[in-house]
C-alpha atoms as a PDB file:
ATOM      1  CA  MET A   1    -118.694 229.650  12.801  1.00  0.00           C
ATOM      2  CA  ARG A   2    -118.381 227.409  15.808  1.00  0.00           C
ATOM      3  CA  ASN A   3    -114.690 225.853  14.692  1.00  0.00           C
ATOM      4  CA  ARG A   4    -113.675 229.656  13.807  1.00  0.00           C
ATOM      5  CA  ARG A   5    -114.132 230.346  17.101  1.00  0.00           C
ATOM      6  CA  ALA A   6    -113.437 227.026  18.674  1.00  0.00           C
ATOM      7  CA  ARG A   7    -109.662 227.520  16.837  1.00  0.00           C
ATOM      8  CA  CYS A   8    -108.867 231.082  17.858  1.00  0.00           C
ATOM      9  CA  SER A   9    -109.948 230.897  21.636  1.00  0.00           C
ATOM     10  CA  GLY A  10    -107.494 227.188  21.683  1.00  0.00           C
ATOM     11  CA  THR A  11    -104.659 230.098  20.869  1.00  0.00           C
ATOM     12  CA  ARG A  12    -105.219 232.423  24.171  1.00  0.00           C
ATOM     13  CA  PRO A  13    -103.887 230.288  26.260  1.00  0.00           C
ATOM     14  CA  ALA A  14    -100.345 230.325  24.410  1.00  0.00           C
ATOM     15  CA  ALA A  15    -100.624 234.285  24.293  1.00  0.00           C
ATOM     16  CA  TRP A  16    -101.066 234.438  27.743  1.00  0.00           C
ATOM     17  CA  ALA A  17     -98.072 232.311  28.497  1.00  0.00           C
ATOM     18  CA  LEU A  18     -95.195 233.522  26.862  1.00  0.00           C
ATOM     19  CA  PRO A  19     -95.148 236.585  29.183  1.00  0.00           C
ATOM     20  CA  LEU A  20     -95.236 234.284  32.059  1.00  0.00           C
ATOM     21  CA  LEU A  21     -92.448 231.786  30.580  1.00  0.00           C
ATOM     22  CA  LEU A  22     -89.953 234.932  29.679  1.00  0.00           C
ATOM     23  CA  ALA A  23     -90.131 236.145  32.642  1.00  0.00           C
ATOM     24  CA  ALA A  24     -89.567 232.872  34.344  1.00  0.00           C
ATOM     25  CA  TYR A  25     -86.798 232.161  32.681  1.00  0.00           C
ATOM     26  CA  GLY A  26     -85.197 235.641  33.292  1.00  0.00           C
ATOM     27  CA  CYS A  27     -85.387 237.305  30.071  1.00  0.00           C
ATOM     28  CA  GLY A  28     -86.890 240.405  32.114  1.00  0.00           C
ATOM     29  CA  GLY A  29     -83.455 241.609  32.303  1.00  0.00           C
ATOM     30  CA  TYR A  30     -79.760 241.043  33.390  1.00  0.00           C
ATOM     31  CA  SER A  31     -78.439 241.687  37.128  1.00  0.00           C
ATOM     32  CA  PRO A  32     -74.494 242.003  37.685  1.00  0.00           C
ATOM     33  CA  GLU A  33     -75.389 241.273  41.320  1.00  0.00           C
ATOM     34  CA  ALA A  34     -76.998 237.956  40.366  1.00  0.00           C
ATOM     35  CA  HIS A  35     -73.557 237.014  38.412  1.00  0.00           C
ATOM     36  CA  ARG A  36     -70.998 238.620  39.779  1.00  0.00           C
ATOM     37  CA  VAL A  37     -67.275 237.411  39.033  1.00  0.00           C
ATOM     38  CA  ASP A  38     -65.868 235.042  42.006  1.00  0.00           C
ATOM     39  CA  PRO A  39     -61.842 236.098  41.878  1.00  0.00           C
ATOM     40  CA  VAL A  40     -60.095 232.896  43.112  1.00  0.00           C
ATOM     41  CA  GLN A  41     -61.801 231.137  40.515  1.00  0.00           C
ATOM     42  CA  ALA A  42     -61.691 233.362  37.771  1.00  0.00           C
ATOM     43  CA  ARG A  43     -57.865 233.196  37.914  1.00  0.00           C
ATOM     44  CA  THR A  44     -57.892 229.685  38.883  1.00  0.00           C
ATOM     45  CA  THR A  45     -59.875 229.408  35.616  1.00  0.00           C
ATOM     46  CA  LEU A  46     -57.841 231.160  33.709  1.00  0.00           C
ATOM     47  CA  GLU A  47     -54.132 229.571  34.767  1.00  0.00           C
ATOM     48  CA  THR A  48     -56.040 226.176  33.706  1.00  0.00           C
ATOM     49  CA  ALA A  49     -56.502 227.401  30.201  1.00  0.00           C
ATOM     50  CA  LEU A  50     -53.577 228.644  29.722  1.00  0.00           C
ATOM     51  CA  SER A  51     -51.911 225.736  31.282  1.00  0.00           C
ATOM     52  CA  ASN A  52     -53.605 223.442  28.999  1.00  0.00           C
ATOM     53  CA  TRP A  53     -52.885 225.965  25.849  1.00  0.00           C
ATOM     54  CA  GLN A  54     -49.015 225.049  27.102  1.00  0.00           C
ATOM     55  CA  LEU A  55     -49.337 221.461  26.955  1.00  0.00           C
ATOM     56  CA  GLY A  56     -50.668 221.773  24.103  1.00  0.00           C
ATOM     57  CA  ASP A  57     -54.166 220.643  23.977  1.00  0.00           C
ATOM     58  CA  SER A  58     -56.864 222.910  22.120  1.00  0.00           C
ATOM     59  CA  PRO A  59     -59.374 225.206  23.170  1.00  0.00           C
ATOM     60  CA  ASP A  60     -62.259 222.659  21.874  1.00  0.00           C
ATOM     61  CA  SER A  61     -60.702 220.080  25.315  1.00  0.00           C
ATOM     62  CA  LEU A  62     -61.710 222.257  27.516  1.00  0.00           C
ATOM     63  CA  ARG A  63     -65.369 221.844  27.092  1.00  0.00           C
ATOM     64  CA  GLN A  64     -65.167 218.292  27.228  1.00  0.00           C
ATOM     65  CA  ARG A  65     -64.232 218.647  31.136  1.00  0.00           C
ATOM     66  CA  GLU A  66     -66.201 219.041  34.378  1.00  0.00           C
ATOM     67  CA  PRO A  67     -66.553 221.609  34.894  1.00  0.00           C
ATOM     68  CA  GLN A  68     -66.655 222.809  30.849  1.00  0.00           C
ATOM     69  CA  ILE A  69     -63.989 226.336  30.365  1.00  0.00           C
ATOM     70  CA  VAL A  70     -65.546 228.211  26.996  1.00  0.00           C
ATOM     71  CA  VAL A  71     -62.170 229.838  25.368  1.00  0.00           C
ATOM     72  CA  GLN A  72     -61.508 231.781  22.621  1.00  0.00           C
ATOM     73  CA  ASP A  73     -57.847 233.035  21.853  1.00  0.00           C
ATOM     74  CA  ILE A  74     -57.737 234.010  18.266  1.00  0.00           C
ATOM     75  CA  ASP A  75     -53.129 232.670  18.384  1.00  0.00           C
ATOM     76  CA  TRP A  76     -54.539 229.433  20.137  1.00  0.00           C
ATOM     77  CA  MET A  77     -57.288 229.075  17.454  1.00  0.00           C
ATOM     78  CA  ALA A  78     -55.080 229.488  14.552  1.00  0.00           C
ATOM     79  CA  GLY A  79     -52.999 226.502  15.642  1.00  0.00           C
ATOM     80  CA  ARG A  80     -50.071 228.891  18.023  1.00  0.00           C
ATOM     81  CA  THR A  81     -47.699 227.425  20.734  1.00  0.00           C
ATOM     82  CA  LEU A  82     -47.817 228.741  24.047  1.00  0.00           C
ATOM     83  CA  GLU A  83     -44.011 228.914  25.161  1.00  0.00           C
ATOM     84  CA  GLU A  84     -44.606 230.906  28.768  1.00  0.00           C
ATOM     85  CA  PHE A  85     -46.946 232.883  30.266  1.00  0.00           C
ATOM     86  CA  GLU A  86     -46.973 235.045  33.554  1.00  0.00           C
ATOM     87  CA  LEU A  87     -50.102 236.976  34.790  1.00  0.00           C
ATOM     88  CA  LEU A  88     -48.900 240.098  35.804  1.00  0.00           C
ATOM     89  CA  ASP A  89     -51.755 241.340  38.386  1.00  0.00           C
ATOM     90  CA  GLU A  90     -54.470 239.851  40.172  1.00  0.00           C
ATOM     91  CA  GLY A  91     -57.062 241.046  38.394  1.00  0.00           C
ATOM     92  CA  GLU A  92     -59.184 243.564  37.709  1.00  0.00           C
ATOM     93  CA  ALA A  93     -63.373 242.482  39.483  1.00  0.00           C
ATOM     94  CA  VAL A  94     -65.812 244.501  37.571  1.00  0.00           C
ATOM     95  CA  ASP A  95     -69.117 242.506  37.445  1.00  0.00           C
ATOM     96  CA  ALA A  96     -69.201 239.361  35.950  1.00  0.00           C
ATOM     97  CA  ASN A  97     -65.589 239.868  34.734  1.00  0.00           C
ATOM     98  CA  LEU A  98     -62.137 239.476  35.588  1.00  0.00           C
ATOM     99  CA  TYR A  99     -59.366 241.423  34.090  1.00  0.00           C
ATOM    100  CA  CYS A 100     -56.352 239.844  33.983  1.00  0.00           C
ATOM    101  CA  ARG A 101     -53.527 240.669  32.015  1.00  0.00           C
ATOM    102  CA  VAL A 102     -50.763 238.431  31.088  1.00  0.00           C
ATOM    103  CA  ARG A 103     -47.823 238.260  29.173  1.00  0.00           C
ATOM    104  CA  LEU A 104     -47.311 235.628  26.747  1.00  0.00           C
ATOM    105  CA  VAL A 105     -44.541 234.035  24.753  1.00  0.00           C
ATOM    106  CA  VAL A 106     -46.266 232.726  21.123  1.00  0.00           C
ATOM    107  CA  ALA A 107     -44.537 230.899  18.369  1.00  0.00           C
ATOM    108  CA  ASP A 108     -45.751 230.064  15.070  1.00  0.00           C
ATOM    109  CA  SER A 109     -44.529 227.401  13.382  1.00  0.00           C
ATOM    110  CA  GLY A 110     -43.185 229.311  10.300  1.00  0.00           C
ATOM    111  CA  GLN A 111     -40.941 231.708  12.889  1.00  0.00           C
ATOM    112  CA  SER A 112     -37.834 230.710  14.272  1.00  0.00           C
ATOM    113  CA  GLU A 113     -38.276 233.246  17.494  1.00  0.00           C
ATOM    114  CA  ALA A 114     -41.107 233.261  19.341  1.00  0.00           C
ATOM    115  CA  GLN A 115     -43.563 236.954  20.176  1.00  0.00           C
ATOM    116  CA  GLU A 116     -43.774 238.362  23.658  1.00  0.00           C
ATOM    117  CA  GLN A 117     -46.752 239.787  23.836  1.00  0.00           C
ATOM    118  CA  MET A 118     -48.591 241.409  26.779  1.00  0.00           C
ATOM    119  CA  VAL A 119     -52.867 240.847  26.563  1.00  0.00           C
ATOM    120  CA  THR A 120     -55.614 240.432  29.056  1.00  0.00           C
ATOM    121  CA  TYR A 121     -58.106 238.005  29.194  1.00  0.00           C
ATOM    122  CA  ILE A 122     -61.660 238.157  30.337  1.00  0.00           C
ATOM    123  CA  VAL A 123     -62.728 235.407  32.671  1.00  0.00           C
ATOM    124  CA  THR A 124     -66.900 234.650  33.912  1.00  0.00           C
ATOM    125  CA  THR A 125     -67.070 232.138  36.947  1.00  0.00           C
ATOM    126  CA  SER A 126     -71.299 232.466  36.480  1.00  0.00           C
ATOM    127  CA  PRO A 127     -73.333 231.661  35.186  1.00  0.00           C
ATOM    128  CA  SER A 128     -70.147 229.444  33.250  1.00  0.00           C
ATOM    129  CA  LEU A 129     -66.335 229.657  32.883  1.00  0.00           C
ATOM    130  CA  THR A 130     -65.681 231.929  30.322  1.00  0.00           C
ATOM    131  CA  VAL A 131     -62.009 232.428  29.180  1.00  0.00           C
ATOM    132  CA  PHE A 132     -61.703 235.464  26.632  1.00  0.00           C
ATOM    133  CA  ARG A 133     -58.608 237.056  25.197  1.00  0.00           C
ATOM    134  CA  SER A 134     -59.493 240.863  24.733  1.00  0.00           C
ATOM    135  CA  MET A 135     -59.018 242.430  21.494  1.00  0.00           C
ATOM    136  CA  THR A 136     -57.416 245.422  23.162  1.00  0.00           C
ATOM    137  CA  PRO A 137     -54.707 245.008  25.578  1.00  0.00           C
END
């Protein structure tokens, strides 16, 4: 019996430590105020990402730079080339995101003519730099 109690009592510190660890790491909730987007930095990040695409770099190459930029764009990831881009507005800052409309001219290796697209990118600056293409224009 004594051994069983010793083993059981050994787990009690872990049981009370878990809630403290979760609270310390911020798992208690998300605060948009703590990660409000910096619109100037977000536009610069978006321009950097699109410029790198235009130069022929891969989305993964932006993860190798400091600070890293995490990028998701279905055309870029599919190997299409970016011939032109134009930011159409200053973007709309909403909590942690900047929503920015962009005109793209994208070419596919199998097509003779590039296609113009109007898209929206969602950019964050905190806690990390991210550029994601919205599924809706």
